[in-house]
Amino acid sequence: MSWEDFFRYIQDILNFQLFTISDVPVTTASILTFFLFLTFFIVAGIFARRTINRKIFKRFNVDEGTSYTLSRITQYIIITIGVLISFNFVGINLSSLTVIFGLLSVGIGFGLQNVTSNFISGLIILFERPISVGDRVVVNDIEGDIIEINIRSTMVRTVNNISIVVPNSEFVSKNVINYSHGDPTYRLDVNVGVSYNSDLDTVLKALNEVAEKNSSVMKKPEPEVYLMEFGDSAWNMQLRLWIPNVKDYPKIRNELNQAIVRTFDKYDIVIPFPQRDVHMQSPVKLPTDQ
């Protein structure tokens, strides 16, 4: 086979008509051109998102959630424009796209409802921002930090450093606890029981001292100590305080609990064991038959 025959063979393959859409012939060459253009715009969208995050938002100290949302929207806009340009380049105009979208709607009706729901939920999350990257959330009884929001799913990294993929519809249709939404500060309540024989003023002093000596506790609002209720074997006390970042509450709770034990020991305050009264009765002798 000569080079001329080889190139003619390649040309015949590229010009081979696969199908038509609204009287527009779709050839092998047009399909390859479409995917090349589409790949270019996808790469361009990813590059633009990363460039905006690194070069612009970080320079102007834009918070992580806002910068992620805006950069993602920019990426999707570039990809959408790229899809439209790619279709037009291969000769498929917008009127022809309605045929494709009609076919897709049939597919959605036959089994893509879940995908469509997650897609729409992803757009709602990006625009309404009920959650943002960096937020501490609880969804499906799983606590973790949002590390990535995609168009179909959201990546959550648990406190045990396990990454979980959560469908976007879970954040729209179900109850989600967002500890960090708008304000990362958090009120931490520490409960402890003290003996009825304790001096109340000493207990109040000890708990306030615990809060004052912890550098992670905010000065305003000021920490408060409450006598919540009279339990079966103890006064149930509660130390209420505020911390600047909700993500630190397990560490700070541990520090406060340890400080309470040491401070109570210094002031001879007793944390009682649960007490139960057990009454023993002698068995009743039943009369025997004579």
C-alpha atoms as a PDB file:
ATOM      1  CA  MET A   1       0.000   0.000   0.000  1.00  0.00           C
ATOM      2  CA  SER A   2       1.397   3.391  -1.020  1.00  0.00           C
ATOM      3  CA  TRP A   3       1.328   6.473   1.185  1.00  0.00           C
ATOM      4  CA  GLU A   4      -1.304   7.947  -1.106  1.00  0.00           C
ATOM      5  CA  ASP A   5      -3.553   4.934  -0.602  1.00  0.00           C
ATOM      6  CA  PHE A   6      -2.938   5.036   3.166  1.00  0.00           C
ATOM      7  CA  PHE A   7      -3.934   8.688   3.468  1.00  0.00           C
ATOM      8  CA  ARG A   8      -6.980   8.082   1.272  1.00  0.00           C
ATOM      9  CA  TYR A   9      -7.955   5.205   3.590  1.00  0.00           C
ATOM     10  CA  ILE A  10      -7.602   7.428   6.671  1.00  0.00           C
ATOM     11  CA  GLN A  11      -9.623  10.146   4.934  1.00  0.00           C
ATOM     12  CA  ASP A  12     -12.393   7.690   4.149  1.00  0.00           C
ATOM     13  CA  ILE A  13     -12.523   6.634   7.807  1.00  0.00           C
ATOM     14  CA  LEU A  14     -12.663  10.235   9.028  1.00  0.00           C
ATOM     15  CA  ASN A  15     -15.380  11.155   6.528  1.00  0.00           C
ATOM     16  CA  PHE A  16     -17.453   8.072   7.265  1.00  0.00           C
ATOM     17  CA  GLN A  17     -20.968   9.163   8.259  1.00  0.00           C
ATOM     18  CA  LEU A  18     -22.040   7.579  11.528  1.00  0.00           C
ATOM     19  CA  PHE A  19     -25.522   9.076  11.877  1.00  0.00           C
ATOM     20  CA  THR A  20     -27.479  12.279  11.361  1.00  0.00           C
ATOM     21  CA  ILE A  21     -29.071  14.698  13.807  1.00  0.00           C
ATOM     22  CA  SER A  22     -31.726  16.993  12.301  1.00  0.00           C
ATOM     23  CA  ASP A  23     -30.326  16.390   8.802  1.00  0.00           C
ATOM     24  CA  VAL A  24     -26.795  17.204  10.024  1.00  0.00           C
ATOM     25  CA  PRO A  25     -24.366  14.370   9.172  1.00  0.00           C
ATOM     26  CA  VAL A  26     -22.115  13.309  12.024  1.00  0.00           C
ATOM     27  CA  THR A  27     -18.825  11.807  10.847  1.00  0.00           C
ATOM     28  CA  THR A  28     -15.899  10.189  12.605  1.00  0.00           C
ATOM     29  CA  ALA A  29     -13.881  13.374  12.149  1.00  0.00           C
ATOM     30  CA  SER A  30     -16.591  15.545  13.686  1.00  0.00           C
ATOM     31  CA  ILE A  31     -16.846  13.194  16.688  1.00  0.00           C
ATOM     32  CA  LEU A  32     -13.062  13.317  17.228  1.00  0.00           C
ATOM     33  CA  THR A  33     -13.073  17.108  16.850  1.00  0.00           C
ATOM     34  CA  PHE A  34     -15.931  17.369  19.321  1.00  0.00           C
ATOM     35  CA  PHE A  35     -14.074  15.359  21.973  1.00  0.00           C
ATOM     36  CA  LEU A  36     -10.828  17.273  21.383  1.00  0.00           C
ATOM     37  CA  PHE A  37     -12.608  20.605  21.897  1.00  0.00           C
ATOM     38  CA  LEU A  38     -14.508  19.254  24.889  1.00  0.00           C
ATOM     39  CA  THR A  39     -11.300  17.951  26.499  1.00  0.00           C
ATOM     40  CA  PHE A  40      -9.623  21.305  25.900  1.00  0.00           C
ATOM     41  CA  PHE A  41     -12.404  23.243  27.640  1.00  0.00           C
ATOM     42  CA  ILE A  42     -12.540  20.776  30.565  1.00  0.00           C
ATOM     43  CA  VAL A  43      -8.794  21.178  31.108  1.00  0.00           C
ATOM     44  CA  ALA A  44      -9.158  24.952  30.686  1.00  0.00           C
ATOM     45  CA  GLY A  45     -11.923  25.007  33.320  1.00  0.00           C
ATOM     46  CA  ILE A  46      -9.807  23.066  35.819  1.00  0.00           C
ATOM     47  CA  PHE A  47      -6.801  25.317  35.133  1.00  0.00           C
ATOM     48  CA  ALA A  48      -8.929  28.452  35.553  1.00  0.00           C
ATOM     49  CA  ARG A  49     -10.355  27.189  38.868  1.00  0.00           C
ATOM     50  CA  ARG A  50      -6.919  26.460  40.306  1.00  0.00           C
ATOM     51  CA  THR A  51      -5.450  29.729  39.015  1.00  0.00           C
ATOM     52  CA  ILE A  52      -8.277  31.798  40.510  1.00  0.00           C
ATOM     53  CA  ASN A  53      -7.880  30.055  43.872  1.00  0.00           C
ATOM     54  CA  ARG A  54      -4.095  30.432  44.027  1.00  0.00           C
ATOM     55  CA  LYS A  55      -3.509  33.773  42.325  1.00  0.00           C
ATOM     56  CA  ILE A  56      -6.577  35.862  43.151  1.00  0.00           C
ATOM     57  CA  PHE A  57      -8.592  34.652  46.141  1.00  0.00           C
ATOM     58  CA  LYS A  58      -5.597  33.878  48.353  1.00  0.00           C
ATOM     59  CA  ARG A  59      -4.102  37.284  47.577  1.00  0.00           C
ATOM     60  CA  PHE A  60      -7.307  39.036  48.690  1.00  0.00           C
ATOM     61  CA  ASN A  61      -7.804  36.714  51.725  1.00  0.00           C
ATOM     62  CA  VAL A  62     -11.178  35.420  50.523  1.00  0.00           C
ATOM     63  CA  ASP A  63     -12.469  32.713  52.865  1.00  0.00           C
ATOM     64  CA  GLU A  64     -12.127  29.110  51.758  1.00  0.00           C
ATOM     65  CA  GLY A  65     -15.847  28.441  51.265  1.00  0.00           C
ATOM     66  CA  THR A  66     -16.478  31.522  49.100  1.00  0.00           C
ATOM     67  CA  SER A  67     -13.380  31.000  46.963  1.00  0.00           C
ATOM     68  CA  TYR A  68     -14.266  27.348  46.374  1.00  0.00           C
ATOM     69  CA  THR A  69     -17.829  28.199  45.320  1.00  0.00           C
ATOM     70  CA  LEU A  70     -16.829  30.993  42.931  1.00  0.00           C
ATOM     71  CA  SER A  71     -13.996  28.997  41.378  1.00  0.00           C
ATOM     72  CA  ARG A  72     -16.258  25.970  40.864  1.00  0.00           C
ATOM     73  CA  ILE A  73     -18.933  28.135  39.212  1.00  0.00           C
ATOM     74  CA  THR A  74     -16.244  29.599  36.924  1.00  0.00           C
ATOM     75  CA  GLN A  75     -15.128  26.088  35.979  1.00  0.00           C
ATOM     76  CA  TYR A  76     -18.685  24.961  35.157  1.00  0.00           C
ATOM     77  CA  ILE A  77     -19.360  28.087  33.087  1.00  0.00           C
ATOM     78  CA  ILE A  78     -16.213  27.473  31.001  1.00  0.00           C
ATOM     79  CA  ILE A  79     -17.151  23.819  30.492  1.00  0.00           C
ATOM     80  CA  THR A  80     -20.730  24.739  29.510  1.00  0.00           C
ATOM     81  CA  ILE A  81     -19.484  27.285  26.972  1.00  0.00           C
ATOM     82  CA  GLY A  82     -17.045  24.675  25.699  1.00  0.00           C
ATOM     83  CA  VAL A  83     -19.826  22.130  25.191  1.00  0.00           C
ATOM     84  CA  LEU A  84     -21.904  24.615  23.186  1.00  0.00           C
ATOM     85  CA  ILE A  85     -18.906  25.661  21.072  1.00  0.00           C
ATOM     86  CA  SER A  86     -17.952  22.022  20.487  1.00  0.00           C
ATOM     87  CA  PHE A  87     -21.436  21.152  19.264  1.00  0.00           C
ATOM     88  CA  ASN A  88     -21.549  24.167  16.961  1.00  0.00           C
ATOM     89  CA  PHE A  89     -18.086  23.433  15.579  1.00  0.00           C
ATOM     90  CA  VAL A  90     -19.135  19.987  14.396  1.00  0.00           C
ATOM     91  CA  GLY A  91     -22.261  21.446  12.787  1.00  0.00           C
ATOM     92  CA  ILE A  92     -24.818  20.694  15.473  1.00  0.00           C
ATOM     93  CA  ASN A  93     -26.652  23.928  16.317  1.00  0.00           C
ATOM     94  CA  LEU A  94     -28.820  24.687  19.325  1.00  0.00           C
ATOM     95  CA  SER A  95     -31.993  23.517  17.599  1.00  0.00           C
ATOM     96  CA  SER A  96     -30.343  20.147  17.017  1.00  0.00           C
ATOM     97  CA  LEU A  97     -29.394  19.978  20.676  1.00  0.00           C
ATOM     98  CA  THR A  98     -33.062  19.931  21.606  1.00  0.00           C
ATOM     99  CA  VAL A  99     -33.253  16.480  20.014  1.00  0.00           C
ATOM    100  CA  ILE A 100     -30.356  15.279  22.165  1.00  0.00           C
ATOM    101  CA  PHE A 101     -31.871  16.776  25.297  1.00  0.00           C
ATOM    102  CA  GLY A 102     -35.168  15.104  24.397  1.00  0.00           C
ATOM    103  CA  LEU A 103     -33.403  11.753  24.272  1.00  0.00           C
ATOM    104  CA  LEU A 104     -31.720  12.509  27.587  1.00  0.00           C
ATOM    105  CA  SER A 105     -35.068  13.341  29.163  1.00  0.00           C
ATOM    106  CA  VAL A 106     -36.275   9.875  28.204  1.00  0.00           C
ATOM    107  CA  GLY A 107     -33.203   8.402  29.876  1.00  0.00           C
ATOM    108  CA  ILE A 108     -33.858  10.471  32.979  1.00  0.00           C
ATOM    109  CA  GLY A 109     -37.382   9.135  33.117  1.00  0.00           C
ATOM    110  CA  PHE A 110     -36.138   5.549  32.917  1.00  0.00           C
ATOM    111  CA  GLY A 111     -33.468   5.522  35.597  1.00  0.00           C
ATOM    112  CA  LEU A 112     -31.437   8.717  35.913  1.00  0.00           C
ATOM    113  CA  GLN A 113     -33.670  10.383  38.506  1.00  0.00           C
ATOM    114  CA  ASN A 114     -31.058   9.875  41.216  1.00  0.00           C
ATOM    115  CA  VAL A 115     -28.265  11.351  39.086  1.00  0.00           C
ATOM    116  CA  THR A 116     -30.434  14.312  38.139  1.00  0.00           C
ATOM    117  CA  SER A 117     -31.438  14.889  41.767  1.00  0.00           C
ATOM    118  CA  ASN A 118     -27.807  14.942  42.869  1.00  0.00           C
ATOM    119  CA  PHE A 119     -26.888  17.242  39.970  1.00  0.00           C
ATOM    120  CA  ILE A 120     -29.607  19.772  40.832  1.00  0.00           C
ATOM    121  CA  SER A 121     -28.727  19.491  44.535  1.00  0.00           C
ATOM    122  CA  GLY A 122     -25.095  20.232  43.679  1.00  0.00           C
ATOM    123  CA  LEU A 123     -26.123  23.457  41.947  1.00  0.00           C
ATOM    124  CA  ILE A 124     -28.300  24.413  44.936  1.00  0.00           C
ATOM    125  CA  ILE A 125     -25.372  23.813  47.303  1.00  0.00           C
ATOM    126  CA  LEU A 126     -22.999  25.916  45.188  1.00  0.00           C
ATOM    127  CA  PHE A 127     -25.399  28.863  44.862  1.00  0.00           C
ATOM    128  CA  GLU A 128     -27.266  28.836  48.201  1.00  0.00           C
ATOM    129  CA  ARG A 129     -24.223  27.619  50.154  1.00  0.00           C
ATOM    130  CA  PRO A 130     -25.929  25.771  53.025  1.00  0.00           C
ATOM    131  CA  ILE A 131     -22.540  24.064  53.348  1.00  0.00           C
ATOM    132  CA  SER A 132     -19.085  25.210  52.283  1.00  0.00           C
ATOM    133  CA  VAL A 133     -15.646  23.684  52.052  1.00  0.00           C
ATOM    134  CA  GLY A 134     -14.110  23.598  55.522  1.00  0.00           C
ATOM    135  CA  ASP A 135     -17.429  23.403  57.405  1.00  0.00           C
ATOM    136  CA  ARG A 136     -17.844  20.899  60.245  1.00  0.00           C
ATOM    137  CA  VAL A 137     -21.090  19.017  59.606  1.00  0.00           C
ATOM    138  CA  VAL A 138     -23.063  16.023  60.822  1.00  0.00           C
ATOM    139  CA  VAL A 139     -24.938  14.136  58.081  1.00  0.00           C
ATOM    140  CA  ASN A 140     -26.415  10.656  58.503  1.00  0.00           C
ATOM    141  CA  ASP A 141     -24.940  10.614  62.031  1.00  0.00           C
ATOM    142  CA  ILE A 142     -21.453  11.082  60.544  1.00  0.00           C
ATOM    143  CA  GLU A 143     -19.390  14.033  61.785  1.00  0.00           C
ATOM    144  CA  GLY A 144     -16.671  15.454  59.588  1.00  0.00           C
ATOM    145  CA  ASP A 145     -15.323  18.349  57.537  1.00  0.00           C
ATOM    146  CA  ILE A 146     -16.374  19.242  53.990  1.00  0.00           C
ATOM    147  CA  ILE A 147     -13.252  18.940  51.826  1.00  0.00           C
ATOM    148  CA  GLU A 148     -14.722  18.967  48.317  1.00  0.00           C
ATOM    149  CA  ILE A 149     -18.079  19.769  46.677  1.00  0.00           C
ATOM    150  CA  ASN A 150     -18.574  18.246  43.235  1.00  0.00           C
ATOM    151  CA  ILE A 151     -21.518  18.456  40.892  1.00  0.00           C
ATOM    152  CA  ARG A 152     -22.859  15.036  41.955  1.00  0.00           C
ATOM    153  CA  SER A 153     -21.437  14.334  45.398  1.00  0.00           C
ATOM    154  CA  THR A 154     -19.625  15.917  48.320  1.00  0.00           C
ATOM    155  CA  MET A 155     -16.510  14.573  50.016  1.00  0.00           C
ATOM    156  CA  VAL A 156     -16.614  14.533  53.825  1.00  0.00           C
ATOM    157  CA  ARG A 157     -13.534  13.690  55.895  1.00  0.00           C
ATOM    158  CA  THR A 158     -14.560  12.307  59.273  1.00  0.00           C
ATOM    159  CA  VAL A 159     -12.846  13.108  62.562  1.00  0.00           C
ATOM    160  CA  ASN A 160     -11.166   9.696  62.200  1.00  0.00           C
ATOM    161  CA  ASN A 161      -9.614  10.828  58.878  1.00  0.00           C
ATOM    162  CA  ILE A 162     -11.881   8.637  56.746  1.00  0.00           C
ATOM    163  CA  SER A 163     -13.123  10.151  53.485  1.00  0.00           C
ATOM    164  CA  ILE A 164     -16.793   9.490  52.729  1.00  0.00           C
ATOM    165  CA  VAL A 165     -18.591  10.332  49.473  1.00  0.00           C
ATOM    166  CA  VAL A 166     -22.060  11.713  50.273  1.00  0.00           C
ATOM    167  CA  PRO A 167     -24.635  12.313  47.488  1.00  0.00           C
ATOM    168  CA  ASN A 168     -25.553  15.984  47.226  1.00  0.00           C
ATOM    169  CA  SER A 169     -29.244  15.212  47.671  1.00  0.00           C
ATOM    170  CA  GLU A 170     -28.514  14.192  51.279  1.00  0.00           C
ATOM    171  CA  PHE A 171     -27.609  17.809  52.092  1.00  0.00           C
ATOM    172  CA  VAL A 172     -30.774  19.211  50.503  1.00  0.00           C
ATOM    173  CA  SER A 173     -33.506  16.732  51.401  1.00  0.00           C
ATOM    174  CA  LYS A 174     -32.416  15.701  54.920  1.00  0.00           C
ATOM    175  CA  ASN A 175     -31.570  17.417  58.189  1.00  0.00           C
ATOM    176  CA  VAL A 176     -27.900  18.398  58.281  1.00  0.00           C
ATOM    177  CA  ILE A 177     -26.116  19.913  61.280  1.00  0.00           C
ATOM    178  CA  ASN A 178     -23.607  22.548  60.184  1.00  0.00           C
ATOM    179  CA  TYR A 179     -21.535  23.650  63.163  1.00  0.00           C
ATOM    180  CA  SER A 180     -19.535  26.203  61.158  1.00  0.00           C
ATOM    181  CA  HIS A 181     -22.234  27.912  59.071  1.00  0.00           C
ATOM    182  CA  GLY A 182     -21.543  31.627  59.222  1.00  0.00           C
ATOM    183  CA  ASP A 183     -19.787  31.485  62.607  1.00  0.00           C
ATOM    184  CA  PRO A 184     -17.173  28.937  63.784  1.00  0.00           C
ATOM    185  CA  THR A 185     -17.581  29.793  67.488  1.00  0.00           C
ATOM    186  CA  TYR A 186     -19.212  27.135  69.631  1.00  0.00           C
ATOM    187  CA  ARG A 187     -20.785  26.926  73.081  1.00  0.00           C
ATOM    188  CA  LEU A 188     -19.323  23.988  74.949  1.00  0.00           C
ATOM    189  CA  ASP A 189     -21.294  22.552  77.887  1.00  0.00           C
ATOM    190  CA  VAL A 190     -19.409  20.454  80.424  1.00  0.00           C
ATOM    191  CA  ASN A 191     -21.545  18.523  82.917  1.00  0.00           C
ATOM    192  CA  VAL A 192     -20.295  17.214  86.257  1.00  0.00           C
ATOM    193  CA  GLY A 193     -21.931  15.967  89.452  1.00  0.00           C
ATOM    194  CA  VAL A 194     -20.759  16.958  92.962  1.00  0.00           C
ATOM    195  CA  SER A 195     -21.595  15.555  96.364  1.00  0.00           C
ATOM    196  CA  TYR A 196     -24.458  17.027  98.401  1.00  0.00           C
ATOM    197  CA  ASN A 197     -21.915  17.574 101.178  1.00  0.00           C
ATOM    198  CA  SER A 198     -19.958  20.051  99.026  1.00  0.00           C
ATOM    199  CA  ASP A 199     -19.864  23.786  99.629  1.00  0.00           C
ATOM    200  CA  LEU A 200     -21.725  25.366  96.703  1.00  0.00           C
ATOM    201  CA  ASP A 201     -19.621  28.543  96.600  1.00  0.00           C
ATOM    202  CA  THR A 202     -16.445  26.461  96.488  1.00  0.00           C
ATOM    203  CA  VAL A 203     -17.840  24.415  93.616  1.00  0.00           C
ATOM    204  CA  LEU A 204     -18.710  27.574  91.675  1.00  0.00           C
ATOM    205  CA  LYS A 205     -15.249  28.975  92.340  1.00  0.00           C
ATOM    206  CA  ALA A 206     -13.530  25.774  91.205  1.00  0.00           C
ATOM    207  CA  LEU A 207     -15.447  25.530  87.923  1.00  0.00           C
ATOM    208  CA  ASN A 208     -14.880  29.202  87.093  1.00  0.00           C
ATOM    209  CA  GLU A 209     -11.198  28.716  87.823  1.00  0.00           C
ATOM    210  CA  VAL A 210     -11.081  25.797  85.371  1.00  0.00           C
ATOM    211  CA  ALA A 211     -12.524  28.001  82.616  1.00  0.00           C
ATOM    212  CA  GLU A 212     -10.257  30.972  83.373  1.00  0.00           C
ATOM    213  CA  LYS A 213      -7.059  28.931  83.251  1.00  0.00           C
ATOM    214  CA  ASN A 214      -7.781  27.396  79.849  1.00  0.00           C
ATOM    215  CA  SER A 215      -6.298  29.619  77.132  1.00  0.00           C
ATOM    216  CA  SER A 216      -8.683  28.256  74.480  1.00  0.00           C
ATOM    217  CA  VAL A 217     -11.788  29.537  76.289  1.00  0.00           C
ATOM    218  CA  MET A 218     -13.134  32.875  75.053  1.00  0.00           C
ATOM    219  CA  LYS A 219     -13.349  35.706  77.565  1.00  0.00           C
ATOM    220  CA  LYS A 220     -16.505  37.081  75.973  1.00  0.00           C
ATOM    221  CA  PRO A 221     -19.102  35.757  76.312  1.00  0.00           C
ATOM    222  CA  GLU A 222     -17.943  34.988  79.824  1.00  0.00           C
ATOM    223  CA  PRO A 223     -18.055  31.399  81.127  1.00  0.00           C
ATOM    224  CA  GLU A 224     -21.025  30.590  83.359  1.00  0.00           C
ATOM    225  CA  VAL A 225     -21.720  27.882  85.926  1.00  0.00           C
ATOM    226  CA  TYR A 226     -25.227  26.506  86.481  1.00  0.00           C
ATOM    227  CA  LEU A 227     -26.727  24.177  89.029  1.00  0.00           C
ATOM    228  CA  MET A 228     -28.933  22.295  86.611  1.00  0.00           C
ATOM    229  CA  GLU A 229     -30.824  19.922  88.882  1.00  0.00           C
ATOM    230  CA  PHE A 230     -30.767  17.910  92.082  1.00  0.00           C
ATOM    231  CA  GLY A 231     -29.886  14.365  91.129  1.00  0.00           C
ATOM    232  CA  ASP A 232     -30.311  11.145  93.073  1.00  0.00           C
ATOM    233  CA  SER A 233     -26.814  11.320  94.555  1.00  0.00           C
ATOM    234  CA  ALA A 234     -25.321  14.636  93.379  1.00  0.00           C
ATOM    235  CA  TRP A 235     -25.847  18.230  92.385  1.00  0.00           C
ATOM    236  CA  ASN A 236     -25.698  18.229  88.578  1.00  0.00           C
ATOM    237  CA  MET A 237     -23.538  21.209  87.638  1.00  0.00           C
ATOM    238  CA  GLN A 238     -22.886  22.593  84.149  1.00  0.00           C
ATOM    239  CA  LEU A 239     -19.979  24.747  83.012  1.00  0.00           C
ATOM    240  CA  ARG A 240     -20.940  26.769  79.922  1.00  0.00           C
ATOM    241  CA  LEU A 241     -18.243  28.449  77.879  1.00  0.00           C
ATOM    242  CA  TRP A 242     -17.446  29.537  74.343  1.00  0.00           C
ATOM    243  CA  ILE A 243     -14.559  28.445  72.138  1.00  0.00           C
ATOM    244  CA  PRO A 244     -13.423  30.156  68.897  1.00  0.00           C
ATOM    245  CA  ASN A 245     -13.428  27.082  66.646  1.00  0.00           C
ATOM    246  CA  VAL A 246     -15.971  24.277  66.842  1.00  0.00           C
ATOM    247  CA  LYS A 247     -13.475  21.802  65.391  1.00  0.00           C
ATOM    248  CA  ASP A 248     -11.416  22.011  68.587  1.00  0.00           C
ATOM    249  CA  TYR A 249     -14.201  21.041  70.978  1.00  0.00           C
ATOM    250  CA  PRO A 250     -13.107  17.380  71.564  1.00  0.00           C
ATOM    251  CA  LYS A 251      -9.596  18.511  72.530  1.00  0.00           C
ATOM    252  CA  ILE A 252     -10.817  21.369  74.729  1.00  0.00           C
ATOM    253  CA  ARG A 253     -13.451  19.180  76.419  1.00  0.00           C
ATOM    254  CA  ASN A 254     -10.716  16.712  77.327  1.00  0.00           C
ATOM    255  CA  GLU A 255      -8.555  19.523  78.771  1.00  0.00           C
ATOM    256  CA  LEU A 256     -11.463  20.856  80.828  1.00  0.00           C
ATOM    257  CA  ASN A 257     -12.431  17.424  82.167  1.00  0.00           C
ATOM    258  CA  GLN A 258      -8.870  16.769  83.310  1.00  0.00           C
ATOM    259  CA  ALA A 259      -8.659  20.235  84.874  1.00  0.00           C
ATOM    260  CA  ILE A 260     -11.949  19.640  86.740  1.00  0.00           C
ATOM    261  CA  VAL A 261     -10.577  16.448  88.310  1.00  0.00           C
ATOM    262  CA  ARG A 262      -7.392  18.199  89.447  1.00  0.00           C
ATOM    263  CA  THR A 263      -9.165  21.342  90.687  1.00  0.00           C
ATOM    264  CA  PHE A 264     -11.815  19.378  92.591  1.00  0.00           C
ATOM    265  CA  ASP A 265      -9.047  17.378  94.236  1.00  0.00           C
ATOM    266  CA  LYS A 266      -7.388  20.637  95.300  1.00  0.00           C
ATOM    267  CA  TYR A 267     -10.594  21.943  96.909  1.00  0.00           C
ATOM    268  CA  ASP A 268     -11.644  18.546  98.330  1.00  0.00           C
ATOM    269  CA  ILE A 269     -14.765  18.442  96.194  1.00  0.00           C
ATOM    270  CA  VAL A 270     -16.129  14.931  95.774  1.00  0.00           C
ATOM    271  CA  ILE A 271     -17.633  13.544  92.563  1.00  0.00           C
ATOM    272  CA  PRO A 272     -19.927  10.860  94.019  1.00  0.00           C
ATOM    273  CA  PHE A 273     -20.674   7.402  92.716  1.00  0.00           C
ATOM    274  CA  PRO A 274     -24.300   6.597  91.907  1.00  0.00           C
ATOM    275  CA  GLN A 275     -25.918   5.262  95.093  1.00  0.00           C
ATOM    276  CA  ARG A 276     -28.615   2.631  95.283  1.00  0.00           C
ATOM    277  CA  ASP A 277     -30.396   1.386  98.403  1.00  0.00           C
ATOM    278  CA  VAL A 278     -30.969  -2.346  98.452  1.00  0.00           C
ATOM    279  CA  HIS A 279     -33.457  -3.681 101.017  1.00  0.00           C
ATOM    280  CA  MET A 280     -33.163  -7.359 101.994  1.00  0.00           C
ATOM    281  CA  GLN A 281     -36.145  -9.155 103.422  1.00  0.00           C
ATOM    282  CA  SER A 282     -36.291 -12.545 105.118  1.00  0.00           C
ATOM    283  CA  PRO A 283     -38.252 -15.128 103.199  1.00  0.00           C
ATOM    284  CA  VAL A 284     -41.766 -15.738 104.400  1.00  0.00           C
ATOM    285  CA  LYS A 285     -42.282 -19.263 105.696  1.00  0.00           C
ATOM    286  CA  LEU A 286     -45.311 -20.924 104.189  1.00  0.00           C
ATOM    287  CA  PRO A 287     -47.399 -23.160 106.400  1.00  0.00           C
ATOM    288  CA  THR A 288     -46.837 -26.816 105.760  1.00  0.00           C
ATOM    289  CA  ASP A 289     -49.561 -29.421 105.609  1.00  0.00           C
ATOM    290  CA  GLN A 290     -49.814 -31.540 108.768  1.00  0.00           C
END
